[in-house]
N, C-alpha and C. Protein backbone atom coordinates (compact mmCIF):
# COMPACT_ATOMS: atom_id res chain seq x y z
N UNK A 1 49.66 56.97 -7.44
CA UNK A 1 49.28 57.19 -6.41
C UNK A 1 47.34 57.40 -5.91
N UNK A 2 47.09 58.24 -7.19
CA UNK A 2 45.18 58.45 -6.27
C UNK A 2 44.46 57.09 -6.80
N UNK A 3 45.07 56.63 -7.40
CA UNK A 3 44.31 55.32 -8.53
C UNK A 3 44.43 54.20 -6.90
N UNK A 4 45.62 54.10 -6.02
CA UNK A 4 46.40 53.36 -5.15
C UNK A 4 45.33 53.34 -3.74
N UNK A 5 45.14 55.15 -3.56
CA UNK A 5 44.04 55.14 -2.37
C UNK A 5 42.77 54.80 -2.79
N UNK A 6 42.42 54.87 -4.38
CA UNK A 6 41.15 54.31 -4.60
C UNK A 6 41.29 53.26 -4.09
N UNK A 7 41.55 52.30 -4.64
CA UNK A 7 41.47 50.87 -4.31
C UNK A 7 42.12 50.50 -2.99
N UNK A 8 42.57 51.02 -2.46
CA UNK A 8 42.31 51.17 -0.81
C UNK A 8 41.29 50.52 -0.43
N UNK A 9 40.65 52.12 -0.47
CA UNK A 9 39.23 52.39 -0.06
C UNK A 9 38.24 51.83 -0.39
N UNK A 10 38.27 51.08 -1.45
CA UNK A 10 37.46 49.88 -1.79
C UNK A 10 37.91 48.53 -1.69
N UNK A 11 38.72 48.69 -1.18
CA UNK A 11 39.29 46.89 -0.84
C UNK A 11 38.81 46.69 0.54
N UNK A 12 39.21 47.63 1.61
CA UNK A 12 39.39 47.20 3.06
C UNK A 12 37.41 47.18 3.15
N UNK A 13 36.68 47.36 2.75
CA UNK A 13 35.54 47.04 2.92
C UNK A 13 35.32 45.51 2.95
N UNK A 14 35.63 45.53 1.61
CA UNK A 14 35.40 43.68 0.75
C UNK A 14 36.30 42.88 1.91
N UNK A 15 37.44 43.29 1.91
CA UNK A 15 38.58 41.87 2.79
C UNK A 15 38.00 42.07 4.35
N UNK A 16 37.36 43.40 4.89
CA UNK A 16 36.64 42.98 6.05
C UNK A 16 35.28 42.13 6.31
N UNK A 17 34.34 42.02 4.93
CA UNK A 17 33.76 41.12 5.08
C UNK A 17 34.16 39.73 4.74
N UNK A 18 35.32 39.60 4.28
CA UNK A 18 35.48 38.48 4.45
C UNK A 18 36.09 37.83 5.17
N UNK A 19 37.02 38.44 6.01
CA UNK A 19 37.16 38.25 7.31
C UNK A 19 36.21 38.22 8.47
N UNK A 20 35.65 38.52 8.10
CA UNK A 20 34.43 38.58 9.22
C UNK A 20 33.57 37.30 8.92
N UNK A 21 33.53 37.41 7.98
CA UNK A 21 32.53 35.87 7.21
C UNK A 21 33.20 34.31 7.52
N UNK A 22 34.26 34.40 7.69
CA UNK A 22 35.83 32.91 7.58
C UNK A 22 35.47 33.67 9.27
N UNK A 23 34.95 34.57 9.92
CA UNK A 23 35.32 33.98 11.64
C UNK A 23 33.92 33.51 12.02
N UNK A 24 33.04 33.96 11.31
CA UNK A 24 31.53 33.51 11.88
C UNK A 24 31.06 31.83 11.17
N UNK A 25 32.38 31.55 10.28
CA UNK A 25 32.28 29.95 9.72
C UNK A 25 33.02 29.08 10.70
N UNK A 26 34.36 30.00 11.38
CA UNK A 26 35.22 28.81 12.35
C UNK A 26 33.97 28.74 13.19
N UNK A 27 33.47 29.74 13.90
CA UNK A 27 32.55 30.05 15.07
C UNK A 27 31.06 28.44 15.39
N UNK A 28 30.39 28.73 13.56
CA UNK A 28 29.77 27.87 13.88
C UNK A 28 30.04 26.07 13.78
N UNK A 29 29.16 25.45 14.17
CA UNK A 29 29.32 23.68 14.30
C UNK A 29 29.18 23.78 12.29
N UNK A 30 30.08 22.64 12.10
CA UNK A 30 29.87 21.91 11.26
C UNK A 30 28.66 20.76 11.09
N UNK A 31 27.27 21.17 9.96
CA UNK A 31 26.81 20.82 9.68
C UNK A 31 26.62 19.54 9.68
N UNK A 32 25.85 18.63 10.37
CA UNK A 32 26.26 17.11 9.97
C UNK A 32 25.55 16.21 8.80
N UNK A 33 25.30 15.82 7.94
CA UNK A 33 25.01 14.89 6.86
C UNK A 33 24.24 13.58 7.72
N UNK A 34 23.13 13.34 7.64
CA UNK A 34 22.50 11.96 8.06
C UNK A 34 22.30 11.34 7.27
N UNK A 35 22.38 9.70 6.49
CA UNK A 35 21.69 9.12 6.00
C UNK A 35 20.56 9.69 5.93
N UNK A 36 19.55 8.86 5.03
CA UNK A 36 18.21 8.49 4.78
C UNK A 36 17.87 8.00 6.18
N UNK A 37 16.99 8.20 6.73
CA UNK A 37 16.57 6.84 7.54
C UNK A 37 15.42 6.05 6.67
N UNK A 38 15.74 4.80 6.63
CA UNK A 38 15.46 3.70 6.17
C UNK A 38 14.94 2.96 7.02
N UNK A 39 13.52 2.61 6.90
CA UNK A 39 13.01 1.95 8.35
C UNK A 39 11.77 0.46 7.72
N UNK A 40 12.42 0.04 8.72
CA UNK A 40 11.14 -1.68 8.01
C UNK A 40 9.59 -1.53 8.51
N UNK A 41 8.66 -1.45 8.17
CA UNK A 41 7.64 -0.87 8.87
C UNK A 41 6.69 -2.27 8.13
N UNK A 42 5.32 -2.00 9.01
CA UNK A 42 4.24 -3.01 8.33
C UNK A 42 3.42 -1.90 7.91
N UNK A 43 2.54 -2.48 6.81
CA UNK A 43 2.13 -2.14 6.02
C UNK A 43 0.62 -2.75 5.41
N UNK A 44 -0.45 -2.17 4.87
CA UNK A 44 -1.14 -3.19 4.31
C UNK A 44 -0.77 -3.02 2.59
N UNK A 45 -0.62 -3.88 2.32
CA UNK A 45 -0.13 -3.76 0.62
C UNK A 45 -1.00 -5.18 0.15
N UNK A 46 -1.76 -4.28 -1.21
CA UNK A 46 -3.07 -4.78 -1.78
C UNK A 46 -3.81 -6.02 -0.47
N UNK A 47 -4.27 -5.12 0.49
CA UNK A 47 -5.13 -6.36 1.38
C UNK A 47 -4.26 -7.07 2.11
N UNK A 48 -2.93 -7.55 2.24
CA UNK A 48 -2.42 -7.99 3.53
C UNK A 48 -1.29 -7.21 3.85
N UNK A 49 -1.19 -7.47 5.15
CA UNK A 49 0.01 -7.08 5.63
C UNK A 49 1.35 -7.12 5.59
N UNK A 50 2.49 -6.56 5.24
CA UNK A 50 3.23 -6.75 4.67
C UNK A 50 4.88 -5.99 5.38
N UNK A 51 5.51 -6.61 5.44
CA UNK A 51 7.27 -5.95 6.15
C UNK A 51 7.76 -5.68 4.77
N UNK A 52 8.39 -3.86 5.02
CA UNK A 52 8.66 -3.24 3.71
C UNK A 52 9.04 -2.16 4.31
N UNK A 53 9.88 -1.64 3.17
CA UNK A 53 11.10 -0.60 2.92
C UNK A 53 10.43 0.93 2.88
N UNK A 54 10.46 2.01 3.70
CA UNK A 54 9.69 2.82 3.70
C UNK A 54 11.27 3.88 4.34
N UNK A 55 10.67 5.24 3.51
CA UNK A 55 11.67 6.58 3.86
C UNK A 55 11.72 7.32 4.87
N UNK A 56 12.37 7.84 5.36
CA UNK A 56 12.74 8.95 6.65
C UNK A 56 11.09 9.29 7.05
N UNK A 57 10.51 9.53 6.40
CA UNK A 57 8.77 10.50 6.02
C UNK A 57 7.73 9.41 6.24
N UNK A 58 8.59 7.61 6.01
CA UNK A 58 6.82 6.70 5.99
C UNK A 58 6.40 6.22 4.60
N UNK A 59 7.49 7.04 3.78
CA UNK A 59 6.65 6.80 2.23
C UNK A 59 7.44 5.41 1.76
N UNK A 60 6.65 4.49 1.36
CA UNK A 60 6.94 3.27 0.74
C UNK A 60 8.08 3.72 -0.09
N UNK A 61 8.95 2.82 0.19
CA UNK A 61 10.01 2.38 -1.05
C UNK A 61 9.57 1.34 -2.49
N UNK A 62 9.54 1.62 -3.30
CA UNK A 62 9.69 0.40 -4.31
C UNK A 62 11.04 0.53 -4.96
N UNK A 63 10.98 -0.65 -6.09
CA UNK A 63 12.09 -1.07 -7.18
C UNK A 63 11.22 -1.33 -8.78
N UNK A 64 11.92 -1.16 -9.64
CA UNK A 64 11.29 -0.77 -10.74
C UNK A 64 12.50 -2.27 -11.25
N UNK A 65 11.60 -3.64 -11.98
CA UNK A 65 12.18 -4.45 -12.35
C UNK A 65 12.93 -4.24 -14.00
N UNK A 66 12.60 -3.00 -14.42
CA UNK A 66 13.71 -2.92 -15.43
C UNK A 66 15.00 -2.38 -14.79
N UNK A 67 14.99 -2.14 -13.90
CA UNK A 67 16.13 -1.57 -13.15
C UNK A 67 17.56 -2.09 -13.19
N UNK A 68 18.89 -2.33 -12.78
CA UNK A 68 20.03 -2.82 -12.55
C UNK A 68 20.55 -2.26 -11.33
N UNK A 69 21.27 -2.91 -11.42
CA UNK A 69 22.27 -2.31 -10.23
C UNK A 69 23.53 -1.31 -10.59
N UNK A 70 23.33 -1.14 -12.28
CA UNK A 70 24.23 -0.77 -12.62
C UNK A 70 23.37 0.49 -13.39
N UNK A 71 21.96 0.12 -13.45
CA UNK A 71 21.73 1.51 -14.82
C UNK A 71 20.38 1.40 -14.24
N UNK A 72 19.34 2.71 -14.12
CA UNK A 72 18.97 3.21 -13.43
C UNK A 72 17.78 2.91 -14.79
N UNK A 73 16.84 2.51 -15.17
CA UNK A 73 15.52 2.32 -16.67
C UNK A 73 14.77 3.54 -16.54
N UNK A 74 14.61 4.50 -15.10
CA UNK A 74 13.35 4.85 -14.93
C UNK A 74 13.66 6.27 -15.17
N UNK A 75 13.87 7.12 -16.79
CA UNK A 75 14.22 8.14 -16.86
C UNK A 75 12.97 9.06 -17.97
N UNK A 76 13.08 10.42 -18.15
CA UNK A 76 11.74 11.40 -18.62
C UNK A 76 10.67 11.31 -18.12
N UNK A 77 9.61 10.99 -18.33
CA UNK A 77 7.82 10.70 -17.87
C UNK A 77 8.23 10.07 -16.39
N UNK A 78 8.39 8.81 -16.50
CA UNK A 78 8.34 7.82 -15.34
C UNK A 78 9.06 8.73 -13.94
N UNK A 79 10.83 9.23 -14.65
CA UNK A 79 11.39 10.09 -13.39
C UNK A 79 10.68 10.80 -12.71
N UNK A 80 9.34 11.37 -13.01
CA UNK A 80 8.34 12.74 -12.96
C UNK A 80 7.69 11.67 -12.04
N UNK A 81 7.10 10.66 -11.96
CA UNK A 81 6.14 9.20 -11.17
C UNK A 81 6.70 9.07 -10.57
N UNK A 82 7.93 8.73 -10.59
CA UNK A 82 8.98 7.30 -9.18
C UNK A 82 10.34 8.18 -9.42
N UNK A 83 9.81 8.77 -8.43
CA UNK A 83 11.25 9.76 -7.76
C UNK A 83 12.43 8.41 -7.42
N UNK A 84 13.22 8.70 -7.76
CA UNK A 84 14.87 7.72 -7.10
C UNK A 84 15.12 8.81 -5.86
N UNK A 85 15.25 7.92 -4.69
CA UNK A 85 15.31 7.60 -3.56
C UNK A 85 16.78 7.70 -3.32
N UNK A 86 17.19 9.38 -3.03
CA UNK A 86 18.80 9.83 -2.83
C UNK A 86 19.38 9.58 -1.81
N UNK A 87 20.38 9.26 -1.39
CA UNK A 87 21.20 9.07 -0.25
C UNK A 87 22.66 9.71 -0.32
N UNK A 88 22.88 10.30 0.77
CA UNK A 88 24.28 10.85 0.85
C UNK A 88 25.61 9.85 1.08
N UNK A 89 24.52 8.67 2.13
CA UNK A 89 25.41 7.67 2.55
C UNK A 89 24.67 6.47 2.56
N UNK A 90 25.38 5.33 2.94
CA UNK A 90 24.68 3.89 2.87
C UNK A 90 24.16 3.53 4.23
N UNK A 91 22.90 3.64 4.69
CA UNK A 91 22.21 3.06 5.84
C UNK A 91 22.60 2.08 6.85
N UNK A 92 22.70 2.01 7.70
CA UNK A 92 23.10 1.05 8.21
C UNK A 92 21.54 0.41 9.20
N UNK A 93 21.00 -0.78 9.19
CA UNK A 93 20.16 -1.38 9.72
C UNK A 93 20.38 -2.50 10.88
N UNK A 94 19.94 -2.10 11.42
CA UNK A 94 19.83 -3.82 12.40
C UNK A 94 19.17 -4.75 12.36
N UNK A 95 20.04 -5.90 12.38
CA UNK A 95 18.67 -6.50 12.11
C UNK A 95 18.16 -7.22 10.92
N UNK A 96 18.66 -6.38 9.61
CA UNK A 96 18.04 -6.47 8.40
C UNK A 96 19.69 -6.96 7.56
N UNK A 97 19.04 -8.14 6.88
CA UNK A 97 20.13 -8.85 6.25
C UNK A 97 20.55 -8.09 5.56
N UNK A 98 20.10 -7.64 4.21
CA UNK A 98 19.91 -6.80 2.76
C UNK A 98 21.43 -6.44 3.09
N UNK A 99 21.66 -5.93 1.76
CA UNK A 99 22.23 -4.88 1.41
C UNK A 99 22.25 -3.70 0.67
N UNK A 100 22.20 -2.42 1.60
CA UNK A 100 22.39 -1.07 1.04
C UNK A 100 23.85 -0.82 -0.07
N UNK A 101 23.62 -0.10 -1.15
CA UNK A 101 24.63 0.58 -1.97
C UNK A 101 24.10 1.88 -2.55
N UNK A 102 24.86 2.24 -3.33
CA UNK A 102 24.22 3.77 -3.86
C UNK A 102 25.09 3.89 -5.49
N UNK A 103 23.74 4.39 -6.22
CA UNK A 103 24.50 3.71 -7.88
C UNK A 103 23.93 6.10 -8.02
N UNK A 104 25.07 6.52 -8.44
CA UNK A 104 25.04 8.14 -8.66
C UNK A 104 23.72 8.92 -7.42
N UNK A 105 24.17 8.38 -6.15
CA UNK A 105 23.23 8.97 -5.40
C UNK A 105 22.39 8.67 -4.97
N UNK A 106 21.40 7.31 -5.40
CA UNK A 106 19.97 6.78 -5.64
C UNK A 106 20.46 5.63 -4.94
N UNK A 107 19.84 5.27 -3.61
CA UNK A 107 19.58 4.13 -2.97
C UNK A 107 19.65 3.36 -3.70
N UNK A 108 20.15 2.16 -3.17
CA UNK A 108 19.57 0.68 -3.45
C UNK A 108 19.81 -0.20 -2.79
N UNK A 109 19.10 -1.32 -2.54
CA UNK A 109 18.51 -2.65 -1.29
C UNK A 109 18.69 -3.37 -2.81
N UNK A 110 19.89 -4.34 -1.90
CA UNK A 110 19.60 -5.69 -2.67
C UNK A 110 20.19 -5.49 -4.22
N UNK A 111 20.77 -4.50 -4.46
CA UNK A 111 21.41 -4.06 -6.31
C UNK A 111 19.70 -4.29 -7.07
N UNK A 112 18.90 -3.47 -6.03
CA UNK A 112 17.77 -2.67 -6.90
C UNK A 112 17.71 -1.38 -6.18
N UNK A 113 17.52 -0.06 -7.42
CA UNK A 113 17.53 1.03 -7.11
C UNK A 113 16.13 1.69 -6.56
N UNK A 114 16.08 2.19 -5.44
CA UNK A 114 14.36 2.68 -4.81
C UNK A 114 13.84 3.82 -5.07
N UNK A 115 12.64 3.75 -5.19
CA UNK A 115 11.81 4.70 -5.85
C UNK A 115 10.95 5.10 -4.88
N UNK A 116 10.26 6.27 -4.45
CA UNK A 116 9.23 6.43 -4.08
C UNK A 116 8.37 7.01 -5.43
N UNK A 117 6.66 6.50 -4.93
CA UNK A 117 5.72 6.92 -5.47
C UNK A 117 4.84 8.11 -5.59
N UNK A 118 4.55 9.13 -6.61
CA UNK A 118 4.19 10.30 -6.40
C UNK A 118 2.35 10.06 -6.38
N UNK A 119 1.90 8.71 -6.26
CA UNK A 119 0.61 8.25 -5.98
C UNK A 119 0.63 8.22 -4.72
N UNK A 120 1.18 7.92 -3.86
CA UNK A 120 1.16 7.71 -2.86
C UNK A 120 0.72 9.33 -1.71
N UNK A 121 0.31 9.40 -1.40
CA UNK A 121 -0.15 10.72 -0.41
C UNK A 121 0.23 10.48 0.51
N UNK A 122 0.48 9.52 1.36
CA UNK A 122 0.79 10.27 2.77
C UNK A 122 1.89 8.39 3.09
N UNK A 123 2.18 8.50 4.06
CA UNK A 123 2.72 7.68 5.11
C UNK A 123 2.05 6.22 4.82
N UNK A 124 2.82 5.28 4.08
CA UNK A 124 2.30 4.09 5.27
C UNK A 124 1.77 3.44 3.81
N UNK A 125 1.04 4.32 2.53
CA UNK A 125 0.36 4.01 1.68
C UNK A 125 1.49 3.33 0.81
N UNK A 126 0.57 2.45 -0.10
CA UNK A 126 1.49 1.02 -1.74
C UNK A 126 0.57 1.29 -3.32
N UNK A 127 0.19 2.11 -3.22
CA UNK A 127 -0.71 2.23 -4.19
C UNK A 127 0.11 2.32 -5.50
N UNK A 128 1.57 1.74 -5.74
CA UNK A 128 2.24 1.63 -7.02
C UNK A 128 2.47 0.59 -7.01
N UNK A 129 2.23 -0.47 -6.00
CA UNK A 129 2.26 -2.02 -5.53
C UNK A 129 1.90 -3.23 -7.18
N UNK A 130 2.79 -3.44 -7.77
CA UNK A 130 2.16 -4.04 -9.25
C UNK A 130 2.46 -2.96 -10.50
N UNK A 131 2.19 -1.98 -10.44
CA UNK A 131 1.98 -1.04 -11.14
C UNK A 131 2.65 -1.55 -12.83
N UNK A 132 1.49 -1.48 -13.86
CA UNK A 132 2.53 -2.04 -15.17
C UNK A 132 2.93 -3.38 -14.85
N UNK A 133 2.82 -4.10 -13.87
CA UNK A 133 3.35 -5.60 -13.51
C UNK A 133 4.83 -5.47 -13.37
N UNK A 134 5.74 -4.06 -12.91
CA UNK A 134 7.11 -3.97 -13.40
C UNK A 134 7.54 -3.14 -12.22
N UNK A 135 6.39 -2.34 -11.44
CA UNK A 135 7.00 -2.07 -9.58
C UNK A 135 6.10 -2.65 -8.45
N UNK A 136 7.01 -2.74 -8.02
CA UNK A 136 7.01 -3.44 -6.84
C UNK A 136 7.10 -2.63 -5.29
N UNK A 137 7.04 -2.94 -4.26
CA UNK A 137 7.45 -2.90 -3.16
C UNK A 137 8.60 -2.75 -2.21
N UNK A 138 9.15 -2.74 -2.31
CA UNK A 138 10.98 -3.18 -1.69
C UNK A 138 10.44 -4.05 0.02
N UNK A 139 11.18 -4.94 -0.17
CA UNK A 139 10.71 -5.68 1.37
C UNK A 139 12.04 -5.84 1.71
N UNK A 140 12.66 -6.19 3.19
CA UNK A 140 13.09 -6.32 3.70
C UNK A 140 13.86 -7.89 2.87
N UNK A 141 12.82 -8.79 2.51
CA UNK A 141 13.33 -10.24 1.60
C UNK A 141 13.48 -10.33 0.40
N UNK A 142 13.89 -9.42 -0.50
CA UNK A 142 14.14 -8.68 -1.68
C UNK A 142 15.14 -9.24 -2.14
N UNK A 143 15.04 -10.14 -2.59
CA UNK A 143 16.30 -10.95 -3.63
C UNK A 143 17.20 -10.05 -4.10
N UNK A 144 18.59 -10.50 -4.07
CA UNK A 144 19.48 -9.66 -5.12
C UNK A 144 19.27 -9.74 -6.28
N UNK A 145 19.94 -8.51 -6.88
CA UNK A 145 19.67 -8.57 -8.44
C UNK A 145 20.84 -8.85 -9.13
N UNK A 146 21.01 -9.96 -9.52
CA UNK A 146 22.47 -9.74 -10.49
C UNK A 146 22.34 -9.42 -11.75
N UNK A 147 23.51 -8.65 -11.50
CA UNK A 147 24.09 -7.85 -12.87
C UNK A 147 23.97 -8.75 -14.60
N UNK A 148 23.42 -8.58 -15.12
CA UNK A 148 22.71 -8.74 -16.12
C UNK A 148 23.30 -7.98 -17.25
N UNK A 149 23.73 -8.51 -18.54
CA UNK A 149 24.09 -7.35 -20.00
C UNK A 149 23.31 -7.43 -20.77
N UNK A 150 22.77 -6.13 -21.22
CA UNK A 150 21.73 -6.08 -22.36
C UNK A 150 21.25 -7.00 -23.62
N UNK A 151 22.52 -6.93 -23.73
CA UNK A 151 22.51 -7.60 -24.89
C UNK A 151 23.91 -8.69 -25.29
N UNK A 152 24.02 -10.17 -25.34
CA UNK A 152 24.78 -10.95 -25.30
C UNK A 152 24.49 -12.20 -26.30
N UNK A 153 25.89 -12.81 -26.27
CA UNK A 153 25.38 -14.11 -27.18
C UNK A 153 24.55 -15.21 -26.70
N UNK A 154 23.89 -16.36 -27.11
CA UNK A 154 24.01 -17.02 -26.90
C UNK A 154 24.52 -18.40 -27.04
N UNK A 155 24.14 -19.28 -26.07
CA UNK A 155 25.15 -20.64 -26.49
C UNK A 155 24.40 -21.57 -26.39
N UNK A 156 24.46 -22.57 -27.64
CA UNK A 156 23.63 -23.91 -27.96
C UNK A 156 24.40 -25.00 -26.96
N UNK A 157 23.10 -25.77 -26.42
CA UNK A 157 23.56 -26.84 -26.35
C UNK A 157 22.95 -27.96 -26.73
N UNK A 158 23.53 -29.19 -26.67
CA UNK A 158 22.66 -30.14 -27.86
C UNK A 158 22.63 -31.85 -26.79
N UNK A 159 21.77 -31.97 -26.73
CA UNK A 159 21.98 -33.52 -26.05
C UNK A 159 21.28 -34.36 -27.44
N UNK A 160 21.23 -35.41 -27.12
CA UNK A 160 20.71 -37.08 -28.18
C UNK A 160 20.17 -36.53 -29.00
N UNK A 161 18.84 -35.94 -28.00
CA UNK A 161 17.44 -36.04 -28.82
C UNK A 161 17.13 -34.45 -29.22
N UNK A 162 17.50 -33.58 -28.69
CA UNK A 162 16.80 -31.86 -28.59
C UNK A 162 17.94 -31.37 -29.01
N UNK A 163 17.85 -29.87 -29.63
CA UNK A 163 18.58 -28.86 -29.91
C UNK A 163 17.83 -27.96 -28.86
N UNK A 164 18.59 -26.94 -27.65
CA UNK A 164 18.26 -26.23 -27.46
C UNK A 164 18.68 -25.24 -27.14
N UNK A 165 18.34 -23.90 -26.96
CA UNK A 165 19.07 -22.35 -26.87
C UNK A 165 18.74 -21.95 -25.45
N UNK A 166 20.18 -21.42 -25.04
CA UNK A 166 19.99 -21.10 -23.68
C UNK A 166 20.54 -19.78 -23.83
N UNK A 167 19.59 -18.71 -23.31
CA UNK A 167 20.03 -17.33 -23.39
C UNK A 167 21.25 -16.64 -21.89
N UNK A 168 22.36 -16.04 -22.23
CA UNK A 168 23.38 -15.95 -21.27
C UNK A 168 22.68 -14.49 -20.90
N UNK A 169 21.95 -14.04 -21.57
CA UNK A 169 21.53 -12.98 -21.23
C UNK A 169 20.87 -12.32 -19.81
N UNK A 170 20.24 -13.12 -19.22
CA UNK A 170 19.41 -13.09 -18.21
C UNK A 170 18.79 -14.04 -17.30
N UNK A 171 17.81 -13.74 -16.05
CA UNK A 171 17.24 -14.84 -15.53
C UNK A 171 16.13 -14.58 -14.74
N UNK A 172 15.21 -15.43 -15.00
CA UNK A 172 14.38 -14.80 -14.01
C UNK A 172 13.43 -14.23 -14.81
N UNK A 173 11.84 -13.88 -13.96
CA UNK A 173 10.58 -13.34 -15.17
C UNK A 173 11.09 -11.87 -14.78
N UNK A 174 10.54 -10.62 -15.44
CA UNK A 174 10.45 -9.63 -14.58
C UNK A 174 8.86 -9.17 -14.53
N UNK A 175 8.15 -9.98 -15.05
CA UNK A 175 6.93 -9.37 -15.33
C UNK A 175 6.50 -8.37 -16.41
N UNK A 176 7.35 -8.45 -16.82
CA UNK A 176 7.80 -6.90 -17.70
C UNK A 176 6.16 -6.76 -18.89
N UNK A 177 5.80 -5.77 -18.89
CA UNK A 177 4.40 -5.29 -20.21
C UNK A 177 5.08 -4.76 -21.48
N UNK A 178 6.32 -4.09 -21.17
CA UNK A 178 6.68 -3.73 -22.45
C UNK A 178 6.07 -2.12 -22.72
N UNK A 179 6.03 -1.76 -21.14
CA UNK A 179 5.51 -0.33 -21.35
C UNK A 179 6.06 0.68 -22.08
N UNK A 180 7.60 0.83 -22.56
CA UNK A 180 8.24 1.52 -22.98
C UNK A 180 8.97 2.73 -21.58
N UNK A 181 8.37 2.36 -20.29
CA UNK A 181 9.38 2.78 -19.38
C UNK A 181 10.81 3.29 -20.25
């Protein structure tokens, strides 16, 4: 009997706190989750006026030629310099023809994961352009990056006069310098 009274004395304040906090939670309006504002701005990039994608705070957004729509290749030391641009949802920008998507919370544009550069100290800067010939400013006209296999078989095609190898593992040049990022 004595144990029940002690329990009742201890439980009453705890229950009252719980009921009070539930009442406050019910009275407070739910916080709205806003997608990050991505906007198009015109800034100087290597001395030329260029239309770029920028973050909600005006920071230039970049893409990494080694990252794909299914894999972020910027990890470790790279990820401390190039910050993944995170989003709660996919933004909709009127008049922008390209398509946004999300990869583990990171915003992508046209299949390119987007980043901000810690070397840009303020809005409108583009110091990361051309970094290691692998990092570039994201522009509204950025082309779709196809998902490619890292390793794959090669197909041989023959003609009467010569034999050539055709790779099925990728296309285009990434400008990669082999920096090890």
